[in-house]
């Protein structure tokens, strides 16, 4: 399976999502590859700090690395243009579009979805970095997508400090010492199952 994670606004958890989906698929005991297509090299930097059960490479090394991978997760650069979006959408089994629940992020994503629909790509929105105290805005964001027949994952991801600790340690959140690490990992595990079972 090839899964691409793309965002059209910074700070929406794109790399965190790609990293944890790679961890999830690696637990299936099938070779998994995380491809870092972001010029900031965020996934590679995260991986350099720890030991991982999956391979991480940049686009220059994808031809060799992909040969032995059963699952490929692609962490793209932010703000892809129309041509890049077309290539990304046509080259994967699923395009994941993470977004926060704030108005600016939602506006940016809704306008981009028009282009994605024209490509007839298999895609779904993922609500990320949700604040548990803002249940009203979180619910409103979900209702916005549902009212416009925009596919959205049942699972969403909360903003928890355990994710920052995991990035600093170079591991997935399930491998970090934090009292809420189990909760944080469970959210990505449920997301992974939702993708795997679709």
N, C-alpha and C. Protein backbone atom coordinates (compact mmCIF):
# COMPACT_ATOMS: atom_id res chain seq x y z
N UNK A 1 0.84 -1.18 0.00
CA UNK A 1 0.00 0.00 0.00
C UNK A 1 0.88 1.24 0.00
N UNK A 2 0.50 2.22 -0.80
CA UNK A 2 1.20 3.50 -0.83
C UNK A 2 0.26 4.56 -0.29
N UNK A 3 0.68 5.21 0.80
CA UNK A 3 -0.11 6.24 1.46
C UNK A 3 0.68 7.54 1.41
N UNK A 4 0.06 8.59 0.91
CA UNK A 4 0.70 9.90 0.86
C UNK A 4 0.02 10.84 1.84
N UNK A 5 0.83 11.55 2.62
CA UNK A 5 0.31 12.52 3.57
C UNK A 5 0.72 13.91 3.07
N UNK A 6 -0.26 14.73 2.74
CA UNK A 6 0.02 16.05 2.17
C UNK A 6 -0.76 17.12 2.92
N UNK A 7 -0.16 18.29 3.06
CA UNK A 7 -0.85 19.39 3.74
C UNK A 7 -0.67 20.68 2.95
N UNK A 8 -1.59 21.58 3.16
CA UNK A 8 -1.59 22.84 2.43
C UNK A 8 -1.50 24.01 3.39
N UNK A 9 -1.12 23.69 4.62
CA UNK A 9 -0.86 24.68 5.64
C UNK A 9 0.12 24.05 6.61
N UNK A 10 1.09 24.80 7.05
CA UNK A 10 2.07 24.26 7.99
C UNK A 10 1.47 24.02 9.36
N UNK A 11 2.14 23.16 10.14
CA UNK A 11 1.75 22.96 11.52
C UNK A 11 0.49 22.16 11.75
N UNK A 12 0.17 21.24 10.80
CA UNK A 12 -1.06 20.45 10.96
C UNK A 12 -0.77 18.99 11.29
N UNK A 13 0.48 18.65 11.60
CA UNK A 13 0.79 17.28 12.01
C UNK A 13 1.07 16.33 10.85
N UNK A 14 1.52 16.87 9.72
CA UNK A 14 1.77 16.03 8.54
C UNK A 14 2.87 15.01 8.81
N UNK A 15 4.01 15.46 9.30
CA UNK A 15 5.13 14.54 9.54
C UNK A 15 4.81 13.58 10.68
N UNK A 16 4.18 14.06 11.73
CA UNK A 16 3.80 13.20 12.84
C UNK A 16 2.88 12.08 12.36
N UNK A 17 1.95 12.43 11.48
CA UNK A 17 1.04 11.43 10.93
C UNK A 17 1.78 10.42 10.07
N UNK A 18 2.62 10.89 9.17
CA UNK A 18 3.37 9.97 8.30
C UNK A 18 4.24 9.04 9.13
N UNK A 19 4.92 9.59 10.12
CA UNK A 19 5.82 8.81 10.96
C UNK A 19 5.07 7.71 11.71
N UNK A 20 3.94 8.05 12.28
CA UNK A 20 3.21 7.06 13.09
C UNK A 20 2.47 6.04 12.23
N UNK A 21 2.09 6.42 11.03
CA UNK A 21 1.52 5.41 10.13
C UNK A 21 2.61 4.42 9.69
N UNK A 22 3.82 4.92 9.47
CA UNK A 22 4.93 4.01 9.15
C UNK A 22 5.17 3.04 10.30
N UNK A 23 5.12 3.54 11.52
CA UNK A 23 5.27 2.67 12.69
C UNK A 23 4.15 1.63 12.73
N UNK A 24 2.90 2.06 12.51
CA UNK A 24 1.78 1.14 12.53
C UNK A 24 1.97 0.03 11.50
N UNK A 25 2.26 0.39 10.25
CA UNK A 25 2.38 -0.62 9.20
C UNK A 25 3.60 -1.51 9.41
N UNK A 26 4.63 -0.99 10.05
CA UNK A 26 5.81 -1.83 10.33
C UNK A 26 5.46 -2.94 11.32
N UNK A 27 4.46 -2.72 12.16
CA UNK A 27 4.05 -3.73 13.14
C UNK A 27 3.30 -4.89 12.50
N UNK A 28 2.93 -4.75 11.23
CA UNK A 28 2.30 -5.87 10.51
C UNK A 28 3.36 -6.89 10.10
N UNK A 29 4.62 -6.58 10.39
CA UNK A 29 5.78 -7.41 10.05
C UNK A 29 6.00 -7.49 8.54
N UNK A 30 5.46 -6.51 7.82
CA UNK A 30 5.74 -6.38 6.40
C UNK A 30 6.65 -5.17 6.23
N UNK A 31 7.65 -5.27 5.35
CA UNK A 31 8.62 -4.17 5.20
C UNK A 31 7.92 -2.84 4.90
N UNK A 32 8.27 -1.84 5.67
CA UNK A 32 7.65 -0.52 5.55
C UNK A 32 8.72 0.54 5.32
N UNK A 33 8.41 1.47 4.44
CA UNK A 33 9.33 2.55 4.08
C UNK A 33 8.63 3.88 4.29
N UNK A 34 9.31 4.80 4.97
CA UNK A 34 8.85 6.18 5.10
C UNK A 34 9.71 7.04 4.19
N UNK A 35 9.08 7.71 3.24
CA UNK A 35 9.81 8.55 2.29
C UNK A 35 9.63 10.01 2.70
N UNK A 36 10.76 10.69 2.93
CA UNK A 36 10.73 12.09 3.33
C UNK A 36 10.87 12.97 2.09
N UNK A 37 9.76 13.57 1.66
CA UNK A 37 9.78 14.44 0.50
C UNK A 37 9.76 15.91 0.87
N UNK A 38 9.91 16.21 2.15
CA UNK A 38 9.87 17.59 2.61
C UNK A 38 11.28 18.16 2.62
N UNK A 39 11.50 19.33 1.99
CA UNK A 39 12.83 19.94 2.00
C UNK A 39 13.38 20.16 3.40
N UNK A 40 12.51 20.28 4.39
CA UNK A 40 12.97 20.45 5.78
C UNK A 40 13.54 19.17 6.37
N UNK A 41 13.33 18.05 5.68
CA UNK A 41 13.85 16.75 6.09
C UNK A 41 13.42 16.38 7.52
N UNK A 42 12.17 16.68 7.83
CA UNK A 42 11.67 16.46 9.19
C UNK A 42 11.64 14.99 9.57
N UNK A 43 11.17 14.13 8.67
CA UNK A 43 11.11 12.69 8.98
C UNK A 43 12.51 12.11 9.14
N UNK A 44 13.43 12.52 8.26
CA UNK A 44 14.80 12.02 8.36
C UNK A 44 15.46 12.48 9.66
N UNK A 45 15.21 13.73 10.04
CA UNK A 45 15.78 14.24 11.31
C UNK A 45 15.22 13.48 12.50
N UNK A 46 13.92 13.21 12.47
CA UNK A 46 13.28 12.44 13.54
C UNK A 46 13.93 11.05 13.61
N UNK A 47 14.09 10.42 12.46
CA UNK A 47 14.65 9.06 12.42
C UNK A 47 16.11 9.02 12.85
N UNK A 48 16.86 10.06 12.56
CA UNK A 48 18.28 10.10 12.90
C UNK A 48 18.52 10.07 14.41
N UNK A 49 17.51 10.43 15.19
CA UNK A 49 17.68 10.51 16.64
C UNK A 49 17.37 9.20 17.36
N UNK A 50 16.89 8.18 16.63
CA UNK A 50 16.52 6.95 17.32
C UNK A 50 16.61 5.72 16.46
N UNK A 51 16.20 4.59 17.03
CA UNK A 51 16.17 3.29 16.33
C UNK A 51 14.73 3.01 15.92
N UNK A 52 14.54 2.65 14.65
CA UNK A 52 13.19 2.46 14.14
C UNK A 52 13.02 1.09 13.49
N UNK A 53 11.80 0.55 13.50
CA UNK A 53 11.54 -0.74 12.86
C UNK A 53 11.17 -0.61 11.38
N UNK A 54 11.41 0.56 10.81
CA UNK A 54 11.14 0.78 9.39
C UNK A 54 12.24 1.67 8.82
N UNK A 55 12.38 1.62 7.50
CA UNK A 55 13.41 2.41 6.83
C UNK A 55 12.87 3.79 6.50
N UNK A 56 13.76 4.77 6.53
CA UNK A 56 13.42 6.14 6.15
C UNK A 56 14.42 6.59 5.10
N UNK A 57 13.92 7.17 4.00
CA UNK A 57 14.81 7.68 2.96
C UNK A 57 14.22 8.95 2.36
N UNK A 58 15.04 9.65 1.57
CA UNK A 58 14.51 10.80 0.84
C UNK A 58 14.14 10.36 -0.57
N UNK A 59 13.63 11.29 -1.38
CA UNK A 59 13.18 10.93 -2.72
C UNK A 59 14.32 10.43 -3.60
N UNK A 60 15.54 10.88 -3.34
CA UNK A 60 16.67 10.45 -4.17
C UNK A 60 16.94 8.95 -4.03
N UNK A 61 16.59 8.38 -2.89
CA UNK A 61 16.88 6.97 -2.64
C UNK A 61 15.66 6.07 -2.79
N UNK A 62 14.55 6.62 -3.24
CA UNK A 62 13.31 5.85 -3.24
C UNK A 62 13.34 4.66 -4.21
N UNK A 63 14.01 4.79 -5.33
CA UNK A 63 14.00 3.70 -6.32
C UNK A 63 14.55 2.42 -5.73
N UNK A 64 15.64 2.50 -5.02
CA UNK A 64 16.25 1.32 -4.41
C UNK A 64 15.46 0.85 -3.19
N UNK A 65 15.10 1.80 -2.32
CA UNK A 65 14.46 1.44 -1.06
C UNK A 65 13.07 0.85 -1.26
N UNK A 66 12.35 1.32 -2.26
CA UNK A 66 10.96 0.87 -2.46
C UNK A 66 10.86 -0.56 -2.96
N UNK A 67 11.93 -1.10 -3.51
CA UNK A 67 11.89 -2.45 -4.07
C UNK A 67 11.50 -3.50 -3.04
N UNK A 68 11.93 -3.30 -1.81
CA UNK A 68 11.67 -4.32 -0.79
C UNK A 68 10.55 -3.94 0.18
N UNK A 69 9.87 -2.82 -0.09
CA UNK A 69 8.83 -2.36 0.83
C UNK A 69 7.45 -2.84 0.40
N UNK A 70 6.71 -3.33 1.36
CA UNK A 70 5.31 -3.71 1.12
C UNK A 70 4.39 -2.50 1.32
N UNK A 71 4.80 -1.63 2.25
CA UNK A 71 4.03 -0.42 2.54
C UNK A 71 4.96 0.78 2.42
N UNK A 72 4.49 1.81 1.72
CA UNK A 72 5.27 3.03 1.54
C UNK A 72 4.42 4.20 2.02
N UNK A 73 4.95 4.95 2.97
CA UNK A 73 4.29 6.15 3.48
C UNK A 73 5.12 7.34 3.02
N UNK A 74 4.49 8.30 2.37
CA UNK A 74 5.20 9.45 1.82
C UNK A 74 4.83 10.70 2.60
N UNK A 75 5.84 11.34 3.17
CA UNK A 75 5.69 12.62 3.86
C UNK A 75 6.09 13.70 2.85
N UNK A 76 5.12 14.41 2.31
CA UNK A 76 5.39 15.36 1.23
C UNK A 76 5.83 16.72 1.76
N UNK A 77 6.28 17.55 0.83
CA UNK A 77 6.54 18.93 1.21
C UNK A 77 5.20 19.65 1.37
N UNK A 78 5.19 20.72 2.13
CA UNK A 78 3.96 21.49 2.31
C UNK A 78 3.67 22.31 1.06
N UNK A 79 2.42 22.67 0.90
CA UNK A 79 1.96 23.53 -0.18
C UNK A 79 2.29 23.01 -1.58
N UNK A 80 1.93 21.78 -1.93
CA UNK A 80 2.19 21.31 -3.29
C UNK A 80 1.36 22.11 -4.29
N UNK A 81 1.97 22.37 -5.46
CA UNK A 81 1.20 23.08 -6.49
C UNK A 81 0.30 22.08 -7.22
N UNK A 82 -0.46 22.56 -8.20
CA UNK A 82 -1.46 21.72 -8.86
C UNK A 82 -0.83 20.50 -9.53
N UNK A 83 0.30 20.68 -10.17
CA UNK A 83 0.98 19.57 -10.85
C UNK A 83 1.49 18.54 -9.84
N UNK A 84 2.11 19.01 -8.77
CA UNK A 84 2.60 18.11 -7.74
C UNK A 84 1.45 17.35 -7.09
N UNK A 85 0.35 18.04 -6.87
CA UNK A 85 -0.81 17.40 -6.27
C UNK A 85 -1.33 16.28 -7.16
N UNK A 86 -1.35 16.52 -8.46
CA UNK A 86 -1.81 15.51 -9.41
C UNK A 86 -0.91 14.28 -9.36
N UNK A 87 0.40 14.49 -9.35
CA UNK A 87 1.35 13.37 -9.30
C UNK A 87 1.19 12.59 -8.00
N UNK A 88 1.05 13.32 -6.89
CA UNK A 88 0.89 12.67 -5.59
C UNK A 88 -0.39 11.83 -5.54
N UNK A 89 -1.48 12.41 -6.02
CA UNK A 89 -2.77 11.73 -5.95
C UNK A 89 -2.81 10.49 -6.83
N UNK A 90 -2.24 10.58 -8.03
CA UNK A 90 -2.29 9.45 -8.96
C UNK A 90 -1.28 8.36 -8.60
N UNK A 91 -0.28 8.71 -7.80
CA UNK A 91 0.77 7.74 -7.50
C UNK A 91 0.59 6.98 -6.21
N UNK A 92 -0.57 7.13 -5.55
CA UNK A 92 -0.76 6.45 -4.27
C UNK A 92 -2.13 5.79 -4.20
N UNK A 93 -2.27 4.91 -3.22
CA UNK A 93 -3.55 4.24 -2.98
C UNK A 93 -4.48 5.12 -2.15
N UNK A 94 -3.90 5.97 -1.31
CA UNK A 94 -4.70 6.83 -0.45
C UNK A 94 -3.94 8.12 -0.18
N UNK A 95 -4.62 9.24 -0.34
CA UNK A 95 -4.07 10.56 -0.03
C UNK A 95 -4.71 11.03 1.27
N UNK A 96 -3.90 11.27 2.28
CA UNK A 96 -4.40 11.75 3.57
C UNK A 96 -4.11 13.24 3.67
N UNK A 97 -5.16 14.00 4.02
CA UNK A 97 -5.05 15.45 4.12
C UNK A 97 -5.29 15.85 5.57
N UNK A 98 -4.21 15.99 6.37
CA UNK A 98 -4.40 16.39 7.77
C UNK A 98 -4.73 17.88 7.87
N UNK A 99 -5.55 18.21 8.85
CA UNK A 99 -5.88 19.61 9.10
C UNK A 99 -6.24 19.80 10.56
N UNK A 100 -5.96 20.98 11.05
CA UNK A 100 -6.43 21.35 12.38
C UNK A 100 -7.85 21.88 12.25
N UNK A 101 -8.49 22.16 13.37
CA UNK A 101 -9.90 22.58 13.35
C UNK A 101 -10.06 24.09 13.30
N UNK A 102 -8.97 24.85 13.11
CA UNK A 102 -9.12 26.31 13.07
C UNK A 102 -9.59 26.77 11.69
N UNK A 103 -10.21 27.91 11.65
CA UNK A 103 -10.86 28.41 10.44
C UNK A 103 -9.90 28.56 9.26
N UNK A 104 -8.69 29.07 9.49
CA UNK A 104 -7.76 29.27 8.39
C UNK A 104 -7.34 27.95 7.75
N UNK A 105 -7.08 26.96 8.57
CA UNK A 105 -6.69 25.65 8.04
C UNK A 105 -7.86 25.02 7.28
N UNK A 106 -9.05 25.14 7.80
CA UNK A 106 -10.22 24.55 7.14
C UNK A 106 -10.50 25.22 5.80
N UNK A 107 -10.38 26.55 5.76
CA UNK A 107 -10.60 27.27 4.50
C UNK A 107 -9.59 26.84 3.44
N UNK A 108 -8.32 26.72 3.84
CA UNK A 108 -7.27 26.31 2.90
C UNK A 108 -7.55 24.92 2.37
N UNK A 109 -7.98 24.03 3.23
CA UNK A 109 -8.21 22.65 2.82
C UNK A 109 -9.44 22.50 1.94
N UNK A 110 -10.52 23.18 2.28
CA UNK A 110 -11.75 23.07 1.49
C UNK A 110 -11.51 23.53 0.05
N UNK A 111 -10.74 24.59 -0.13
CA UNK A 111 -10.46 25.06 -1.49
C UNK A 111 -9.57 24.08 -2.24
N UNK A 112 -8.67 23.42 -1.55
CA UNK A 112 -7.78 22.45 -2.20
C UNK A 112 -8.53 21.17 -2.58
N UNK A 113 -9.52 20.81 -1.80
CA UNK A 113 -10.27 19.58 -2.06
C UNK A 113 -10.98 19.65 -3.42
N UNK A 114 -11.32 20.84 -3.86
CA UNK A 114 -11.92 20.98 -5.19
C UNK A 114 -10.99 20.40 -6.26
N UNK A 115 -9.71 20.71 -6.13
CA UNK A 115 -8.72 20.20 -7.09
C UNK A 115 -8.55 18.69 -6.94
N UNK A 116 -8.57 18.19 -5.71
CA UNK A 116 -8.40 16.76 -5.47
C UNK A 116 -9.58 15.98 -6.07
N UNK A 117 -10.77 16.52 -5.93
CA UNK A 117 -11.95 15.85 -6.48
C UNK A 117 -11.88 15.72 -8.00
N UNK A 118 -11.35 16.73 -8.65
CA UNK A 118 -11.23 16.68 -10.11
C UNK A 118 -10.27 15.57 -10.55
N UNK A 119 -9.32 15.23 -9.69
CA UNK A 119 -8.35 14.18 -10.01
C UNK A 119 -8.94 12.79 -9.77
N UNK A 120 -10.12 12.74 -9.16
CA UNK A 120 -10.76 11.47 -8.83
C UNK A 120 -9.85 10.58 -7.98
N UNK A 121 -9.17 11.20 -7.04
CA UNK A 121 -8.25 10.48 -6.17
C UNK A 121 -8.98 9.92 -4.96
N UNK A 122 -8.45 8.85 -4.40
CA UNK A 122 -8.97 8.28 -3.15
C UNK A 122 -8.30 9.07 -2.02
N UNK A 123 -9.08 9.86 -1.31
CA UNK A 123 -8.51 10.72 -0.28
C UNK A 123 -9.44 10.77 0.93
N UNK A 124 -8.88 11.22 2.05
CA UNK A 124 -9.68 11.43 3.24
C UNK A 124 -9.00 12.48 4.12
N UNK A 125 -9.81 13.25 4.80
CA UNK A 125 -9.32 14.30 5.70
C UNK A 125 -9.09 13.69 7.09
N UNK A 126 -8.03 14.13 7.74
CA UNK A 126 -7.73 13.72 9.11
C UNK A 126 -7.67 14.95 9.99
N UNK A 127 -8.54 15.03 11.00
CA UNK A 127 -8.48 16.13 11.96
C UNK A 127 -7.36 15.85 12.95
N UNK A 128 -6.45 16.81 13.09
CA UNK A 128 -5.27 16.63 13.93
C UNK A 128 -5.12 17.79 14.92
N UNK A 129 -4.25 17.54 15.90
CA UNK A 129 -3.90 18.56 16.90
C UNK A 129 -5.14 19.17 17.56
N UNK A 130 -6.11 18.30 17.81
CA UNK A 130 -7.34 18.79 18.43
C UNK A 130 -7.13 19.08 19.90
N UNK A 131 -7.71 20.17 20.35
CA UNK A 131 -7.70 20.54 21.76
C UNK A 131 -8.95 19.94 22.40
N UNK A 132 -8.76 19.07 23.37
CA UNK A 132 -9.89 18.39 24.02
C UNK A 132 -10.86 19.35 24.68
N UNK A 133 -10.38 20.56 25.00
CA UNK A 133 -11.25 21.53 25.66
C UNK A 133 -12.16 22.26 24.67
N UNK A 134 -11.87 22.13 23.38
CA UNK A 134 -12.64 22.86 22.37
C UNK A 134 -13.53 21.89 21.59
N UNK A 135 -14.38 21.20 22.30
CA UNK A 135 -15.23 20.18 21.66
C UNK A 135 -16.18 20.79 20.64
N UNK A 136 -16.63 22.03 20.87
CA UNK A 136 -17.55 22.67 19.93
C UNK A 136 -16.93 22.90 18.57
N UNK A 137 -15.71 23.46 18.55
CA UNK A 137 -15.06 23.74 17.26
C UNK A 137 -14.62 22.44 16.59
N UNK A 138 -14.24 21.44 17.37
CA UNK A 138 -13.85 20.15 16.80
C UNK A 138 -15.06 19.50 16.11
N UNK A 139 -16.20 19.57 16.78
CA UNK A 139 -17.43 19.00 16.21
C UNK A 139 -17.85 19.78 14.97
N UNK A 140 -17.73 21.11 15.02
CA UNK A 140 -18.11 21.95 13.88
C UNK A 140 -17.24 21.64 12.67
N UNK A 141 -15.95 21.41 12.89
CA UNK A 141 -15.05 21.08 11.77
C UNK A 141 -15.47 19.78 11.11
N UNK A 142 -15.78 18.78 11.92
CA UNK A 142 -16.21 17.49 11.37
C UNK A 142 -17.53 17.64 10.60
N UNK A 143 -18.45 18.40 11.16
CA UNK A 143 -19.73 18.62 10.51
C UNK A 143 -19.58 19.37 9.19
N UNK A 144 -18.61 20.28 9.12
CA UNK A 144 -18.36 21.01 7.88
C UNK A 144 -18.01 20.06 6.75
N UNK A 145 -17.09 19.13 7.01
CA UNK A 145 -16.68 18.18 5.97
C UNK A 145 -17.83 17.22 5.62
N UNK A 146 -18.52 16.74 6.63
CA UNK A 146 -19.62 15.81 6.37
C UNK A 146 -20.73 16.47 5.57
N UNK A 147 -21.01 17.77 5.83
CA UNK A 147 -22.07 18.47 5.12
C UNK A 147 -21.73 18.69 3.65
N UNK A 148 -20.43 18.65 3.33
CA UNK A 148 -19.99 18.85 1.95
C UNK A 148 -19.58 17.53 1.29
N UNK A 149 -19.95 16.44 1.91
CA UNK A 149 -19.62 15.10 1.39
C UNK A 149 -18.13 14.92 1.15
N UNK A 150 -17.34 15.45 2.06
CA UNK A 150 -15.88 15.29 2.01
C UNK A 150 -15.52 14.14 2.93
N UNK A 151 -14.84 13.11 2.40
CA UNK A 151 -14.50 11.97 3.25
C UNK A 151 -13.59 12.39 4.41
N UNK A 152 -13.92 11.91 5.59
CA UNK A 152 -13.14 12.24 6.79
C UNK A 152 -13.00 10.98 7.64
N UNK A 153 -11.82 10.76 8.17
CA UNK A 153 -11.60 9.60 9.04
C UNK A 153 -12.44 9.71 10.30
N UNK A 154 -12.94 8.58 10.78
CA UNK A 154 -13.64 8.55 12.06
C UNK A 154 -12.68 8.96 13.18
N UNK A 155 -11.46 8.46 13.07
CA UNK A 155 -10.46 8.74 14.09
C UNK A 155 -9.87 10.13 13.89
N UNK A 156 -9.66 10.83 14.97
CA UNK A 156 -8.96 12.11 14.94
C UNK A 156 -7.79 12.03 15.91
N UNK A 157 -6.92 13.02 15.86
CA UNK A 157 -5.69 13.00 16.67
C UNK A 157 -5.67 14.25 17.55
N UNK A 158 -5.50 14.04 18.84
CA UNK A 158 -5.43 15.17 19.77
C UNK A 158 -4.02 15.74 19.84
N UNK A 159 -3.94 16.95 20.33
CA UNK A 159 -2.63 17.57 20.56
C UNK A 159 -2.17 17.18 21.97
N UNK A 160 -1.15 16.31 22.01
CA UNK A 160 -0.62 15.83 23.28
C UNK A 160 0.89 16.04 23.30
N UNK A 161 1.42 16.41 24.46
CA UNK A 161 2.86 16.69 24.58
C UNK A 161 3.71 15.45 24.33
N UNK A 162 3.13 14.27 24.44
CA UNK A 162 3.88 13.03 24.20
C UNK A 162 4.44 12.99 22.78
N UNK A 163 3.75 13.60 21.82
CA UNK A 163 4.25 13.60 20.44
C UNK A 163 5.55 14.40 20.32
N UNK A 164 5.64 15.52 21.02
CA UNK A 164 6.87 16.32 21.00
C UNK A 164 8.02 15.54 21.62
N UNK A 165 7.75 14.85 22.71
CA UNK A 165 8.78 14.05 23.36
C UNK A 165 9.27 12.94 22.43
N UNK A 166 8.34 12.33 21.70
CA UNK A 166 8.71 11.26 20.79
C UNK A 166 9.62 11.77 19.67
N UNK A 167 9.29 12.93 19.12
CA UNK A 167 10.11 13.50 18.05
C UNK A 167 11.52 13.80 18.56
N UNK A 168 11.62 14.33 19.76
CA UNK A 168 12.94 14.63 20.33
C UNK A 168 13.75 13.38 20.59
N UNK A 169 13.07 12.30 20.95
CA UNK A 169 13.75 11.04 21.25
C UNK A 169 14.04 10.22 19.99
N UNK A 170 13.41 10.58 18.87
CA UNK A 170 13.62 9.83 17.63
C UNK A 170 12.88 8.50 17.60
N UNK A 171 11.74 8.45 18.27
CA UNK A 171 10.95 7.21 18.33
C UNK A 171 9.48 7.54 18.10
N UNK A 172 8.67 6.52 17.95
CA UNK A 172 7.22 6.71 17.89
C UNK A 172 6.71 6.98 19.30
N UNK A 173 5.53 7.55 19.40
CA UNK A 173 5.00 7.97 20.70
C UNK A 173 4.80 6.78 21.64
N UNK A 174 4.57 5.59 21.09
CA UNK A 174 4.38 4.41 21.95
C UNK A 174 5.67 3.99 22.64
N UNK A 175 6.80 4.54 22.21
CA UNK A 175 8.10 4.16 22.77
C UNK A 175 8.71 5.25 23.64
N UNK A 176 7.92 6.22 24.05
CA UNK A 176 8.44 7.31 24.85
C UNK A 176 7.84 7.24 26.26
N UNK A 177 8.60 7.73 27.23
CA UNK A 177 8.12 7.74 28.61
C UNK A 177 7.26 8.98 28.83
N UNK A 178 5.96 8.77 28.83
CA UNK A 178 5.02 9.86 29.07
C UNK A 178 3.72 9.21 29.54
N UNK A 179 3.07 9.79 30.52
CA UNK A 179 1.87 9.16 31.08
C UNK A 179 0.73 9.06 30.07
N UNK A 180 0.76 9.87 29.01
CA UNK A 180 -0.31 9.83 28.02
C UNK A 180 0.16 9.25 26.68
N UNK A 181 1.34 8.64 26.70
CA UNK A 181 1.87 8.06 25.47
C UNK A 181 0.97 6.96 24.93
N UNK A 182 0.41 6.16 25.82
CA UNK A 182 -0.48 5.07 25.39
C UNK A 182 -1.73 5.58 24.70
N UNK A 183 -2.30 6.66 25.26
CA UNK A 183 -3.48 7.28 24.63
C UNK A 183 -3.12 7.82 23.25
N UNK A 184 -1.98 8.50 23.17
CA UNK A 184 -1.56 9.11 21.91
C UNK A 184 -1.34 8.03 20.84
N UNK A 185 -0.66 6.95 21.23
CA UNK A 185 -0.41 5.88 20.26
C UNK A 185 -1.71 5.20 19.84
N UNK A 186 -2.63 5.04 20.78
CA UNK A 186 -3.89 4.38 20.45
C UNK A 186 -4.65 5.13 19.35
N UNK A 187 -4.54 6.45 19.33
CA UNK A 187 -5.22 7.22 18.29
C UNK A 187 -4.65 6.90 16.91
N UNK A 188 -3.33 6.81 16.80
CA UNK A 188 -2.74 6.45 15.51
C UNK A 188 -2.95 4.98 15.17
N UNK A 189 -2.99 4.14 16.20
CA UNK A 189 -3.26 2.73 15.96
C UNK A 189 -4.66 2.54 15.38
N UNK A 190 -5.63 3.26 15.93
CA UNK A 190 -7.00 3.19 15.42
C UNK A 190 -7.09 3.76 14.00
N UNK A 191 -6.34 4.83 13.75
CA UNK A 191 -6.30 5.38 12.39
C UNK A 191 -5.70 4.36 11.43
N UNK A 192 -4.61 3.73 11.82
CA UNK A 192 -3.98 2.72 10.98
C UNK A 192 -4.92 1.58 10.65
N UNK A 193 -5.67 1.12 11.65
CA UNK A 193 -6.65 0.05 11.42
C UNK A 193 -7.75 0.50 10.47
N UNK A 194 -8.16 1.74 10.62
CA UNK A 194 -9.21 2.28 9.73
C UNK A 194 -8.73 2.26 8.27
N UNK A 195 -7.46 2.61 8.07
CA UNK A 195 -6.88 2.60 6.72
C UNK A 195 -6.71 1.16 6.23
N UNK A 196 -6.14 0.33 7.07
CA UNK A 196 -5.83 -1.05 6.71
C UNK A 196 -7.09 -1.84 6.37
N UNK A 197 -8.17 -1.59 7.11
CA UNK A 197 -9.39 -2.37 6.94
C UNK A 197 -10.34 -1.80 5.87
N UNK A 198 -10.00 -0.65 5.32
CA UNK A 198 -10.89 0.00 4.34
C UNK A 198 -10.96 -0.80 3.05
